[in-house]
Protein backbone atom coordinates (compact mmCIF):
# COMPACT_ATOMS: atom_id res chain seq x y z
CA MET A 1 0.00 0.00 0.00
CA LYS A 2 1.38 3.37 -1.00
CA PRO A 3 2.08 5.60 2.04
CA PRO A 4 0.25 8.94 2.17
CA LYS A 5 2.08 11.92 0.78
CA VAL A 6 3.51 14.33 3.36
CA VAL A 7 3.82 18.08 2.79
CA PHE A 8 4.77 20.93 5.07
CA VAL A 9 2.30 23.83 5.10
CA CYS A 10 3.03 27.33 6.39
CA GLN A 11 0.48 28.30 9.05
CA GLU A 12 0.85 31.98 8.17
CA CYS A 13 0.37 32.09 4.40
CA GLY A 14 -0.56 28.51 3.39
CA ALA A 15 2.49 27.91 1.20
CA GLN A 16 3.57 24.26 0.80
CA ALA A 17 7.08 22.80 0.86
CA PRO A 18 8.26 19.22 0.24
CA LYS A 19 10.43 19.25 3.38
CA TRP A 20 10.63 21.11 6.66
CA MET A 21 12.48 24.42 6.68
CA GLY A 22 13.06 26.85 9.49
CA ARG A 23 11.70 29.78 7.49
CA CYS A 24 8.89 29.99 4.94
CA THR A 25 10.23 31.00 1.53
CA ASP A 26 7.01 32.84 0.61
CA CYS A 27 6.14 35.01 3.63
CA GLY A 28 9.38 34.81 5.62
CA ALA A 29 7.75 33.54 8.85
CA TRP A 30 9.98 31.49 11.15
CA ASN A 31 8.99 28.06 12.52
CA SER A 32 5.61 28.18 10.76
CA LEU A 33 5.84 24.98 8.67
CA VAL A 34 3.70 22.12 10.01
CA GLU A 35 3.56 18.58 8.64
CA GLU A 36 0.28 17.59 6.98
CA ARG A 37 -0.72 14.42 5.18
CA VAL A 38 -2.44 14.64 1.82
CA GLY A 39 -5.41 12.33 1.32
CA ASP A 40 -5.41 9.62 -1.35
CA PRO A 41 -6.93 10.37 -4.77
CA PRO A 42 -10.40 8.85 -4.08
CA ALA A 43 -10.88 11.09 -1.05
CA VAL A 44 -9.71 14.11 -3.04
CA ALA A 45 -12.10 13.28 -5.87
CA ALA A 46 -14.98 12.93 -3.42
CA ALA A 47 -14.11 16.27 -1.87
CA THR A 48 -14.07 17.85 -5.32
CA ASN A 49 -17.56 16.52 -6.02
CA ARG A 50 -18.69 17.77 -2.63
CA TYR A 51 -17.43 21.28 -3.41
CA ALA A 52 -19.56 21.35 -6.54
CA GLN A 53 -22.80 20.48 -4.73
CA LEU A 54 -23.63 24.11 -3.95
CA GLY A 55 -24.43 24.92 -7.55
CA ALA A 56 -25.57 21.48 -8.68
CA GLY A 57 -28.56 21.70 -10.96
CA GLY A 58 -28.53 25.50 -10.87
CA THR A 59 -29.52 27.55 -13.90
CA ALA A 60 -28.80 31.15 -14.71
CA LYS A 61 -31.51 33.68 -13.85
CA LEU A 62 -32.27 37.01 -15.44
CA TYR A 63 -31.30 39.91 -13.19
CA ALA A 64 -34.80 41.40 -13.32
CA ASP A 65 -36.35 38.06 -12.29
CA VAL A 66 -34.36 37.68 -9.06
CA ASP A 67 -36.68 38.06 -6.05
CA ILE A 68 -35.04 39.54 -2.95
CA ALA A 69 -38.08 39.08 -0.73
CA ASP A 70 -36.39 36.06 0.85
CA ALA A 71 -33.33 38.14 1.73
CA LEU A 72 -35.07 40.37 4.28
CA ARG A 73 -32.91 41.00 7.33
CA LEU A 74 -33.68 39.32 10.64
CA SER A 75 -33.08 41.26 13.85
CA THR A 76 -30.87 39.81 16.58
CA GLY A 77 -32.75 41.80 19.22
CA ILE A 78 -29.62 43.86 20.02
CA GLY A 79 -29.75 47.23 18.30
CA GLU A 80 -26.00 47.89 18.34
CA PHE A 81 -25.26 44.44 16.90
CA ASP A 82 -27.85 44.95 14.15
CA ARG A 83 -26.27 48.32 13.30
CA VAL A 84 -22.86 46.73 12.73
CA LEU A 85 -24.39 43.96 10.61
CA GLY A 86 -26.03 46.59 8.41
CA GLY A 87 -29.56 46.34 9.84
CA GLY A 88 -29.77 42.68 10.88
CA VAL A 89 -28.80 39.19 9.82
CA VAL A 90 -29.25 38.30 6.14
CA PRO A 91 -30.54 34.74 5.54
CA GLY A 92 -27.81 32.53 4.14
CA SER A 93 -25.01 34.88 5.21
CA LEU A 94 -21.74 33.75 6.80
CA VAL A 95 -20.41 36.05 9.53
CA LEU A 96 -16.98 35.88 11.19
CA LEU A 97 -16.56 37.47 14.64
CA GLY A 98 -12.99 37.78 15.93
CA GLY A 99 -11.52 39.22 19.10
CA GLU A 100 -9.11 38.81 21.99
CA PRO A 101 -9.63 35.95 24.48
CA GLY A 102 -12.11 36.89 27.19
CA ILE A 103 -13.33 40.03 25.42
CA GLY A 104 -16.96 38.80 25.41
CA LYS A 105 -17.53 37.11 22.04
CA SER A 106 -19.39 34.11 23.47
CA THR A 107 -21.40 36.34 25.80
CA LEU A 108 -22.55 38.59 22.96
CA LEU A 109 -23.48 35.69 20.69
CA LEU A 110 -25.39 33.85 23.43
CA GLN A 111 -27.40 37.00 24.14
CA ALA A 112 -28.09 37.46 20.43
CA ALA A 113 -29.01 33.78 20.11
CA ALA A 114 -31.58 34.09 22.90
CA HIS A 115 -33.27 37.11 21.30
CA PHE A 116 -33.11 35.53 17.85
CA ALA A 117 -34.54 32.20 19.05
CA ARG A 118 -37.57 33.87 20.62
CA ALA A 119 -38.31 35.94 17.52
CA ALA A 120 -37.27 33.84 14.49
CA GLY A 121 -36.95 30.21 15.53
CA PRO A 122 -34.56 27.66 17.07
CA VAL A 123 -30.83 28.35 17.21
CA LEU A 124 -28.02 25.77 17.13
CA TYR A 125 -25.05 26.78 19.29
CA ALA A 126 -22.10 24.48 18.55
CA SER A 127 -19.14 24.96 20.87
CA GLY A 128 -15.79 23.24 20.60
CA GLU A 129 -14.35 24.99 23.65
CA GLU A 130 -17.07 24.63 26.30
CA SER A 131 -19.45 21.93 27.50
CA GLU A 132 -23.21 22.27 27.60
CA HIS A 133 -23.07 22.85 31.36
CA GLN A 134 -20.65 25.76 30.98
CA ILE A 135 -22.83 27.38 28.33
CA LYS A 136 -25.95 26.81 30.45
CA SER A 137 -24.35 28.43 33.50
CA ARG A 138 -23.49 31.52 31.43
CA GLY A 139 -26.99 31.53 29.98
CA ASP A 140 -28.51 31.56 33.47
CA ARG A 141 -26.42 34.62 34.30
CA LEU A 142 -27.58 36.30 31.09
CA ASN A 143 -31.26 35.47 31.75
CA VAL A 144 -31.63 33.38 28.60
CA GLY A 145 -34.66 31.64 30.08
CA GLU A 146 -36.61 29.14 27.98
CA ALA A 147 -35.42 30.32 24.58
CA PRO A 148 -35.27 27.43 22.03
CA ILE A 149 -31.47 27.15 21.84
CA TYR A 150 -29.91 23.76 21.06
CA LEU A 151 -26.44 23.27 22.58
CA LEU A 152 -23.91 20.99 20.90
CA ALA A 153 -20.45 20.39 22.36
CA GLU A 154 -18.81 19.04 19.21
CA THR A 155 -15.64 19.66 17.20
CA CYS A 156 -16.29 17.40 14.20
CA ILE A 157 -17.55 19.33 11.18
CA GLU A 158 -19.47 16.37 9.77
CA ARG A 159 -21.33 15.87 13.05
CA ILE A 160 -22.25 19.57 13.23
CA LEU A 161 -23.53 19.50 9.64
CA GLU A 162 -25.66 16.45 10.47
CA GLU A 163 -27.28 18.33 13.35
CA ILE A 164 -27.90 21.33 11.09
CA ALA A 165 -29.65 19.09 8.56
CA ARG A 166 -31.70 17.41 11.31
CA LEU A 167 -32.78 20.51 13.26
CA LYS A 168 -32.99 23.01 10.38
CA PRO A 169 -32.35 25.93 12.78
CA ALA A 170 -32.99 29.59 12.02
CA LEU A 171 -29.41 30.48 13.06
CA VAL A 172 -26.16 28.55 13.56
CA ILE A 173 -23.31 29.69 15.83
CA VAL A 174 -19.95 27.88 15.78
CA ASP A 175 -17.53 28.72 18.60
CA SER A 176 -14.90 28.59 17.25
CA VAL A 177 -13.79 27.80 13.71
CA GLN A 178 -10.23 27.07 14.89
CA THR A 179 -11.39 24.20 17.14
CA VAL A 180 -13.41 22.20 14.60
CA PHE A 181 -11.91 19.59 12.30
CA SER A 182 -12.86 17.34 9.41
CA ILE A 183 -12.23 13.60 9.52
CA LYS A 184 -11.13 13.81 5.88
CA PHE A 185 -7.90 15.55 6.96
CA GLN A 186 -5.30 14.20 9.35
CA SER A 187 -3.90 17.59 10.33
CA ALA A 188 -4.64 19.12 13.73
CA PRO A 189 -7.57 21.49 14.32
CA GLY A 190 -6.64 25.10 13.64
CA SER A 191 -4.21 24.26 10.82
CA ILE A 192 -4.45 25.91 7.44
CA GLY A 193 -6.14 22.93 5.81
CA GLN A 194 -8.67 22.41 8.60
CA VAL A 195 -9.69 26.07 8.85
CA ARG A 196 -10.07 26.31 5.07
CA GLU A 197 -12.18 23.14 4.99
CA ALA A 198 -14.35 24.31 7.91
CA ALA A 199 -15.00 27.70 6.33
CA THR A 200 -15.88 26.09 2.99
CA GLN A 201 -18.25 23.52 4.50
CA PHE A 202 -20.10 26.08 6.63
CA LEU A 203 -20.32 28.36 3.58
CA PHE A 204 -21.98 25.57 1.59
CA ALA A 205 -24.36 24.83 4.48
CA ALA A 206 -25.30 28.50 4.89
CA LYS A 207 -25.86 29.19 1.19
CA GLY A 208 -27.37 25.83 0.30
CA GLN A 209 -29.90 25.75 3.16
CA ASN A 210 -30.34 29.54 3.48
CA ILE A 211 -29.34 29.47 7.16
CA PRO A 212 -27.38 32.43 8.59
CA THR A 213 -24.20 31.20 10.28
CA VAL A 214 -21.86 32.99 12.69
CA LEU A 215 -18.29 31.75 13.15
CA VAL A 216 -16.12 32.81 16.08
CA GLY A 217 -12.46 33.33 15.15
CA HIS A 218 -9.29 33.49 17.21
CA VAL A 219 -6.74 36.27 16.81
CA THR A 220 -2.95 36.24 16.76
CA LYS A 221 -0.60 38.20 19.00
CA ASP A 222 -0.69 41.22 16.68
CA GLY A 223 -4.50 41.29 16.73
CA SER A 224 -5.16 39.89 13.23
CA LEU A 225 -7.47 36.93 12.63
CA ALA A 226 -5.75 33.57 12.95
CA GLY A 227 -5.73 31.22 9.98
CA PRO A 228 -5.41 31.71 6.23
CA LYS A 229 -6.48 34.94 4.57
CA VAL A 230 -8.97 32.93 2.54
CA LEU A 231 -11.07 32.71 5.72
CA GLU A 232 -11.82 36.43 5.50
CA HIS A 233 -12.47 36.21 1.75
CA VAL A 234 -14.96 33.35 2.06
CA VAL A 235 -17.24 34.92 4.67
CA ASP A 236 -19.72 37.71 3.92
CA THR A 237 -19.03 39.82 7.00
CA VAL A 238 -15.98 40.19 9.24
CA LEU A 239 -16.56 41.76 12.65
CA SER A 240 -13.81 42.77 15.06
CA PHE A 241 -14.58 42.74 18.79
CA GLU A 242 -12.32 45.28 20.50
CA GLY A 243 -11.92 46.73 23.96
CA GLU A 244 -9.58 47.18 26.90
CA ARG A 245 -9.77 44.75 29.78
CA HIS A 246 -9.64 47.63 32.26
CA HIS A 247 -12.55 49.48 30.66
CA ALA A 248 -16.20 48.49 30.87
CA HIS A 249 -17.08 49.29 27.27
CA ARG A 250 -16.56 47.06 24.24
CA VAL A 251 -16.63 47.98 20.56
CA VAL A 252 -17.76 45.79 17.65
CA ARG A 253 -16.39 47.09 14.34
CA ALA A 254 -17.29 45.91 10.84
CA VAL A 255 -14.09 45.27 8.86
CA LYS A 256 -15.86 43.72 5.86
CA ASN A 257 -19.58 43.67 5.10
CA ARG A 258 -21.21 42.68 1.83
CA PHE A 259 -24.60 43.76 3.14
CA GLY A 260 -23.84 47.08 4.84
CA ALA A 261 -21.40 49.88 5.52
CA VAL A 262 -17.77 49.07 6.28
CA SER A 263 -16.27 50.47 9.51
CA GLU A 264 -19.69 50.61 11.17
CA LEU A 265 -19.41 50.69 14.95
CA GLY A 266 -21.42 49.26 17.83
CA VAL A 267 -20.67 50.18 21.44
CA PHE A 268 -21.48 47.96 24.42
CA GLU A 269 -20.93 48.13 28.15
CA MET A 270 -19.89 44.98 30.01
CA THR A 271 -22.04 44.43 33.09
CA GLY A 272 -22.66 41.58 35.51
CA VAL A 273 -25.61 40.36 33.43
CA GLY A 274 -23.93 40.58 30.03
CA LEU A 275 -23.28 43.21 27.41
CA ARG A 276 -25.56 46.23 27.45
CA PRO A 277 -25.87 48.38 24.28
CA VAL A 278 -24.79 52.01 24.66
CA PRO A 279 -27.20 54.22 22.66
CA ASN A 280 -25.14 57.41 23.22
CA PRO A 281 -21.39 56.64 23.03
CA SER A 282 -20.46 60.35 23.09
CA MET A 283 -21.88 60.71 26.60
CA LEU A 284 -19.98 57.61 27.69
CA PHE A 285 -16.59 58.81 26.42
CA LEU A 286 -17.02 62.38 27.72
CA SER A 287 -18.60 61.54 31.08
CA GLU A 288 -15.35 61.86 33.07
CA ARG A 289 -13.76 64.72 31.14
CA ALA A 290 -12.20 67.36 33.38
CA SER A 291 -12.95 70.85 32.06
CA GLY A 292 -10.33 73.60 32.16
CA THR A 293 -7.37 71.22 31.98
CA PRO A 294 -4.55 71.95 29.51
CA GLY A 295 -3.92 69.21 26.96
CA SER A 296 -7.55 68.18 26.50
CA ALA A 297 -9.57 68.63 23.29
CA VAL A 298 -12.94 67.24 22.17
CA LEU A 299 -12.88 65.61 18.74
CA CYS A 300 -15.89 64.99 16.49
CA CYS A 301 -15.12 61.70 14.74
CA VAL A 302 -17.27 59.44 12.59
CA GLU A 303 -17.22 55.64 12.65
CA GLY A 304 -19.22 54.25 9.75
CA SER A 305 -22.44 56.27 9.82
CA ARG A 306 -22.24 57.15 13.51
CA PRO A 307 -20.76 60.42 14.86
CA ILE A 308 -18.97 60.09 18.19
CA LEU A 309 -17.36 62.73 20.41
CA VAL A 310 -14.17 61.61 22.13
CA GLU A 311 -11.59 63.33 24.27
CA VAL A 312 -8.04 63.65 22.96
CA GLN A 313 -5.50 64.02 25.79
CA ALA A 314 -1.93 65.19 25.32
CA LEU A 315 0.97 65.65 27.71
CA VAL A 316 4.13 67.52 26.71
CA SER A 317 7.01 67.49 29.18
CA ALA A 318 10.74 68.15 29.02
CA SER A 319 12.82 65.10 28.13
CA THR A 320 15.25 63.98 30.81
CA TYR A 321 17.64 61.85 28.77
CA GLY A 322 17.94 63.92 25.61
CA ASN A 323 16.10 61.35 23.52
CA PRO A 324 12.45 62.51 23.50
CA ARG A 325 9.74 59.89 23.43
CA ARG A 326 6.59 59.95 21.30
CA MET A 327 3.83 57.65 22.47
CA ALA A 328 0.27 57.33 21.12
CA ILE A 329 -2.58 55.21 22.50
CA GLY A 330 -5.62 54.91 20.27
CA LEU A 331 -3.86 56.73 17.41
CA ASP A 332 -1.37 55.83 14.72
CA GLN A 333 2.17 56.43 15.98
CA ASN A 334 3.40 57.51 12.55
CA ARG A 335 0.54 59.98 12.20
CA LEU A 336 1.50 61.57 15.54
CA SER A 337 5.11 62.02 14.38
CA LEU A 338 3.87 63.69 11.19
CA LEU A 339 1.65 66.13 13.12
CA LEU A 340 4.46 67.02 15.53
CA ALA A 341 6.70 67.83 12.56
CA VAL A 342 3.97 70.10 11.14
CA LEU A 343 3.67 71.91 14.49
CA GLU A 344 7.44 72.41 14.55
CA LYS A 345 7.70 73.73 11.01
CA ARG A 346 4.39 75.55 10.43
CA ALA A 347 3.28 76.69 13.90
CA GLY A 348 6.65 77.48 15.50
CA LEU A 349 6.27 75.11 18.48
CA ASN A 350 9.62 73.79 19.65
CA LEU A 351 8.90 70.14 20.49
CA ALA A 352 12.24 68.61 19.52
CA GLY A 353 13.43 68.26 23.12
CA ASP A 354 10.12 67.29 24.74
CA ASP A 355 8.37 64.02 25.43
CA VAL A 356 4.92 63.89 23.83
CA TYR A 357 2.20 61.49 24.97
CA VAL A 358 -1.22 61.38 23.27
CA ASN A 359 -4.16 59.27 24.35
CA ILE A 360 -7.80 58.79 23.30
CA ALA A 361 -9.59 58.67 26.65
CA GLY A 362 -11.76 55.65 27.38
CA GLY A 363 -9.82 53.15 25.27
CA MET A 364 -11.34 54.25 21.95
CA SER A 365 -9.27 53.93 18.75
CA VAL A 366 -9.49 56.59 16.03
CA ASP A 367 -7.79 56.18 12.67
CA GLU A 368 -9.49 58.73 10.41
CA PRO A 369 -7.61 61.85 9.15
CA ALA A 370 -10.28 64.13 10.66
CA ALA A 371 -8.68 63.49 14.06
CA ASP A 372 -5.57 65.52 13.10
CA LEU A 373 -6.87 68.88 14.31
CA GLY A 374 -7.90 67.38 17.66
CA VAL A 375 -4.39 66.00 18.20
CA VAL A 376 -2.79 69.31 17.17
CA ALA A 377 -5.08 71.26 19.52
CA ALA A 378 -4.39 68.98 22.49
CA VAL A 379 -0.59 69.02 21.97
CA ALA A 380 -0.48 72.82 21.55
CA SER A 381 -2.67 73.28 24.63
CA SER A 382 -0.35 71.15 26.76
CA MET A 383 2.77 72.80 25.29
CA ARG A 384 1.56 76.31 26.11
CA ASN A 385 -0.18 75.18 29.32
CA ARG A 386 -3.40 76.89 28.26
CA SER A 387 -6.71 75.06 28.35
CA LEU A 388 -9.27 75.07 25.56
CA ALA A 389 -12.77 76.36 26.14
CA GLY A 390 -14.98 73.61 27.54
CA SER A 391 -17.72 74.34 25.00
CA THR A 392 -15.42 73.97 21.96
CA ALA A 393 -15.11 70.90 19.73
CA VAL A 394 -12.80 70.43 16.74
CA PHE A 395 -12.30 68.26 13.67
CA GLY A 396 -10.24 68.53 10.48
CA GLU A 397 -7.40 66.99 8.49
CA VAL A 398 -3.94 68.59 8.64
CA GLY A 399 -1.70 68.59 5.56
CA LEU A 400 2.09 68.72 5.47
CA SER A 401 2.07 72.38 4.47
CA GLY A 402 -0.03 73.21 7.52
CA GLU A 403 -3.34 73.61 5.70
CA ILE A 404 -6.62 72.36 7.20
CA ARG A 405 -8.39 70.16 4.67
CA GLY A 406 -12.08 69.40 4.48
CA VAL A 407 -13.45 66.09 5.75
CA PRO A 408 -16.56 64.06 4.80
CA GLN A 409 -19.80 63.96 6.82
CA ALA A 410 -19.22 67.34 8.43
CA ALA A 411 -22.95 67.87 9.01
CA LEU A 412 -23.15 64.69 11.11
CA ARG A 413 -20.25 65.84 13.26
CA VAL A 414 -21.72 69.30 13.83
CA ARG A 415 -25.15 67.91 14.66
CA GLU A 416 -23.73 65.49 17.24
CA ALA A 417 -21.66 68.24 18.88
CA VAL A 418 -24.71 70.51 19.11
CA GLN A 419 -26.77 67.73 20.68
CA MET A 420 -24.04 67.23 23.29
CA GLY A 421 -24.17 70.91 24.25
CA PHE A 422 -21.12 72.36 22.47
CA SER A 423 -21.61 75.95 21.33
CA ARG A 424 -18.43 76.48 19.28
CA ILE A 425 -16.85 74.23 16.65
CA VAL A 426 -13.50 74.85 14.97
CA MET A 427 -13.54 73.09 11.62
CA PRO A 428 -12.10 73.30 8.10
CA ALA A 429 -13.19 76.33 6.10
CA ALA A 430 -14.02 73.99 3.21
CA ASN A 431 -16.82 72.46 5.32
CA ILE A 432 -18.31 75.70 6.59
CA ASP A 433 -21.20 75.39 4.09
CA VAL A 434 -22.80 72.72 6.32
CA ARG A 435 -24.42 75.59 8.22
CA GLU A 436 -27.63 75.17 6.20
CA THR A 437 -27.89 71.37 6.55
CA ALA A 438 -26.58 70.69 10.04
CA GLY A 439 -29.26 72.60 11.93
CA GLU A 440 -26.69 73.95 14.36
CA GLY A 441 -28.98 76.54 16.01
CA ASP A 442 -26.97 78.90 18.18
CA CYS A 443 -23.68 77.03 17.66
CA GLU A 444 -20.79 79.12 16.33
CA LEU A 445 -18.95 77.51 13.40
CA VAL A 446 -15.38 78.76 12.96
CA GLY A 447 -13.76 77.89 9.64
CA VAL A 448 -9.96 77.76 9.59
CA ARG A 449 -7.53 77.27 6.71
CA SER A 450 -4.18 76.68 8.47
CA VAL A 451 -2.78 75.26 11.69
CA GLY A 452 -1.68 78.70 12.87
CA GLU A 453 -5.15 80.15 12.32
CA ALA A 454 -6.73 77.22 14.19
CA LEU A 455 -4.45 77.67 17.20
CA ASP A 456 -5.20 81.39 17.26
CA HIS A 457 -8.91 80.65 17.59
CA LEU A 458 -8.45 77.83 20.09
CA LEU A 459 -5.88 79.30 22.47
CA THR A 460 -7.11 82.89 22.76
């Protein structure tokens, strides 16, 4: 009998090599090659036929004849979760939810499963990491009650698919995709081949039976989703569950969404009885802001379609060792270095010998260019030891020549600031025409064209 063929597969990029090597020749990762056995030809042929079953017997349809009535969204019962999904769960969709260990992924999905089961029908919760008793104990704490949720402690893909075919649930949750395996492969669960097979099989089950499926994914040390990149390509929606362990709030961010806006944001607060949606994130992030303190500025940012006010804190102090430090939390470190160079060259602030620390209060992360003016205002306020007016909010992009560039969705930002009680907004002059559409009332809109002009309005 011919022995099975052995290949070594990189767990980072999926490249194959005939023998073990210390470093992958494709992606350069060290110690990432793992031995895997390739199945014999009959098994491969059967798998190929199985992959074709999704479109078996299908015929092409005219675009005008396609009926989307069956694709109506189903609510999970959690408003913030529905917002991130684009308005609810689409039948037949495949969703991937990733996040740090202990961040609350299982808690959020069990809460959503309970609401979904009461409204739409039975839910199958397949867990490869916890037993039924562990899930039940969490459900009692979350007040799941008598919701029709079927629990399955199973790691075999074929067994999970059998239960899906038997129960025909309205929603399937698999926690997690890195723990399940197929008996057709001899590699360990979580390997490149197993994760690819699991994602493909659950995709076929979701599309073929029109059942929405949610997969929980692990993350690596750098915060990216573990497994091959094809995992993110296969699914319809990729959600990132973020948050600091020392803060009560959690953020669910849409990284990819075929049925809604990308970079949509949902904010939750972790409590003793589960995750509670936060309808007004601006109030949450500004609740502990100290007014009249130098180095503090309120930024109007937009995540997806939601405007949020956050506090940008900066601390500028003399460097002790002659090698000044630049540290940013919640902001891009390279972007901070760029803005400090602009302040040096265009605004005349001598920061070369000072340590500069910038933080987004509350653990929020902001990566849009509209945050530039907030960072500049906070750093200049701390440098000159002069506080900004407590009723002033800012937003705007800063260019290398010191100009303040216009940003999108300015009307949303202004409207949110007005609702939170701010009476003065320093913003790009290119966006000053939002006065007619924002409904700002008695709010004063100050349009600025350069960094120097902005600091003159903010620090006077």
